[in-house]
Amino acid sequence: MWWADVPYEDGPGSKDRPCLVISVRGRGRGRTAVVAKITSKHHEERPGVIALPAGAVGDRQGRRSFLETDELREVRVDAFRRRVGVVDPGVWERVRKLGAR
């Protein structure tokens, strides 16, 4: 899991947010990563939302976070700023079963 400048899904711009790296593509300066964004707001109407333990993403408030696997984003590798850790193996298995690639 990393903090990165992740593009918005519905328009121009981006936001510094935690995300889970699913895969890395390319070589050199053109490398990008496919990520699933992590948010502090639970959107139960969205499929593929996985609850993460409080404090899992290294935010100052130690809030509970939610991994959204239904909308993946492509992020330039140079947009990553801080690694916050690895996801629990059980969560990773759930991500795989949901088909996030």
Protein backbone atom coordinates (compact mmCIF):
# COMPACT_ATOMS: atom_id res chain seq x y z
CA MET A 1 0.00 0.00 0.00
CA TRP A 2 1.22 3.47 -0.94
CA TRP A 3 0.20 7.12 -0.86
CA ALA A 4 0.16 8.50 -4.40
CA ASP A 5 -1.33 11.21 -6.58
CA VAL A 6 -4.30 9.20 -7.92
CA PRO A 7 -6.39 10.55 -10.84
CA TYR A 8 -10.09 11.26 -10.29
CA GLU A 9 -12.48 8.82 -11.95
CA ASP A 10 -14.94 11.42 -13.22
CA GLY A 11 -12.88 14.28 -14.59
CA PRO A 12 -9.53 16.02 -14.71
CA GLY A 13 -7.29 16.29 -11.71
CA SER A 14 -6.07 13.99 -8.98
CA LYS A 15 -5.86 13.56 -5.22
CA ASP A 16 -3.13 12.43 -2.85
CA ARG A 17 -4.59 9.26 -1.37
CA PRO A 18 -3.70 5.77 -0.22
CA CYS A 19 -3.95 2.97 -2.75
CA LEU A 20 -3.12 -0.69 -3.24
CA VAL A 21 -0.77 -1.50 -6.11
CA ILE A 22 -2.23 -4.34 -8.18
CA SER A 23 0.42 -4.49 -10.93
CA VAL A 24 3.22 -2.48 -12.55
CA ARG A 25 3.50 -1.97 -16.32
CA GLY A 26 6.18 -0.70 -18.67
CA ARG A 27 9.83 0.18 -18.27
CA GLY A 28 11.88 3.24 -17.45
CA ARG A 29 10.18 6.63 -17.21
CA GLY A 30 6.99 5.32 -18.80
CA ARG A 31 6.24 2.88 -15.99
CA THR A 32 2.76 2.97 -14.52
CA ALA A 33 0.99 1.05 -11.80
CA VAL A 34 -2.58 -0.20 -11.74
CA VAL A 35 -4.03 0.63 -8.33
CA ALA A 36 -7.22 0.26 -6.33
CA LYS A 37 -7.97 3.41 -4.38
CA ILE A 38 -8.49 3.44 -0.64
CA THR A 39 -10.98 5.83 0.96
CA SER A 40 -12.14 6.65 4.48
CA LYS A 41 -15.78 6.74 3.34
CA HIS A 42 -17.70 3.47 3.16
CA HIS A 43 -19.73 3.19 -0.03
CA GLU A 44 -21.75 0.05 0.63
CA GLU A 45 -23.62 0.47 -2.66
CA ARG A 46 -20.41 -0.22 -4.58
CA PRO A 47 -19.41 -3.81 -5.33
CA GLY A 48 -15.98 -4.99 -4.29
CA VAL A 49 -15.47 -2.77 -1.22
CA ILE A 50 -13.17 -4.36 1.37
CA ALA A 51 -12.90 -2.92 4.89
CA LEU A 52 -9.35 -2.41 6.16
CA PRO A 53 -8.35 -2.16 9.83
CA ALA A 54 -8.15 1.27 11.44
CA GLY A 55 -4.74 2.84 10.86
CA ALA A 56 -3.82 0.48 8.01
CA VAL A 57 -2.94 3.30 5.61
CA GLY A 58 -0.84 5.44 7.94
CA ASP A 59 -3.09 8.50 8.10
CA ARG A 60 -2.77 10.89 11.02
CA GLN A 61 -6.22 10.12 12.45
CA GLY A 62 -5.83 6.33 12.28
CA ARG A 63 -9.25 6.05 10.62
CA ARG A 64 -10.81 2.90 9.26
CA SER A 65 -10.34 2.65 5.51
CA PHE A 66 -12.07 0.93 2.61
CA LEU A 67 -10.40 -0.57 -0.44
CA GLU A 68 -12.48 -0.07 -3.60
CA THR A 69 -11.65 -2.81 -6.09
CA ASP A 70 -14.39 -2.03 -8.63
CA GLU A 71 -12.64 0.94 -10.30
CA LEU A 72 -8.95 0.57 -10.94
CA ARG A 73 -6.74 3.54 -11.87
CA GLU A 74 -3.47 3.82 -13.74
CA VAL A 75 -0.88 5.94 -11.91
CA ARG A 76 2.59 7.02 -13.04
CA VAL A 77 5.25 5.39 -10.88
CA ASP A 78 6.78 8.80 -10.12
CA ALA A 79 3.44 9.85 -8.54
CA PHE A 80 4.02 7.53 -5.56
CA ARG A 81 5.34 9.34 -2.50
CA ARG A 82 5.23 7.06 0.54
CA ARG A 83 4.92 3.35 1.15
CA VAL A 84 2.72 2.55 4.14
CA GLY A 85 3.00 -1.21 4.24
CA VAL A 86 1.69 -4.42 2.82
CA VAL A 87 -1.86 -5.60 2.73
CA ASP A 88 -2.86 -8.56 4.86
CA PRO A 89 -2.66 -11.86 2.90
CA GLY A 90 -6.36 -12.48 3.53
CA VAL A 91 -7.27 -9.12 2.02
CA TRP A 92 -4.98 -9.76 -0.97
CA GLU A 93 -6.74 -13.09 -1.58
CA ARG A 94 -10.13 -11.31 -1.52
CA VAL A 95 -8.83 -8.77 -4.06
CA ARG A 96 -7.67 -11.61 -6.31
CA LYS A 97 -11.02 -13.39 -6.06
CA LEU A 98 -12.88 -10.20 -6.96
CA GLY A 99 -10.86 -10.11 -10.16
CA ALA A 100 -8.87 -6.90 -9.68
CA ARG A 101 -5.95 -7.19 -12.11
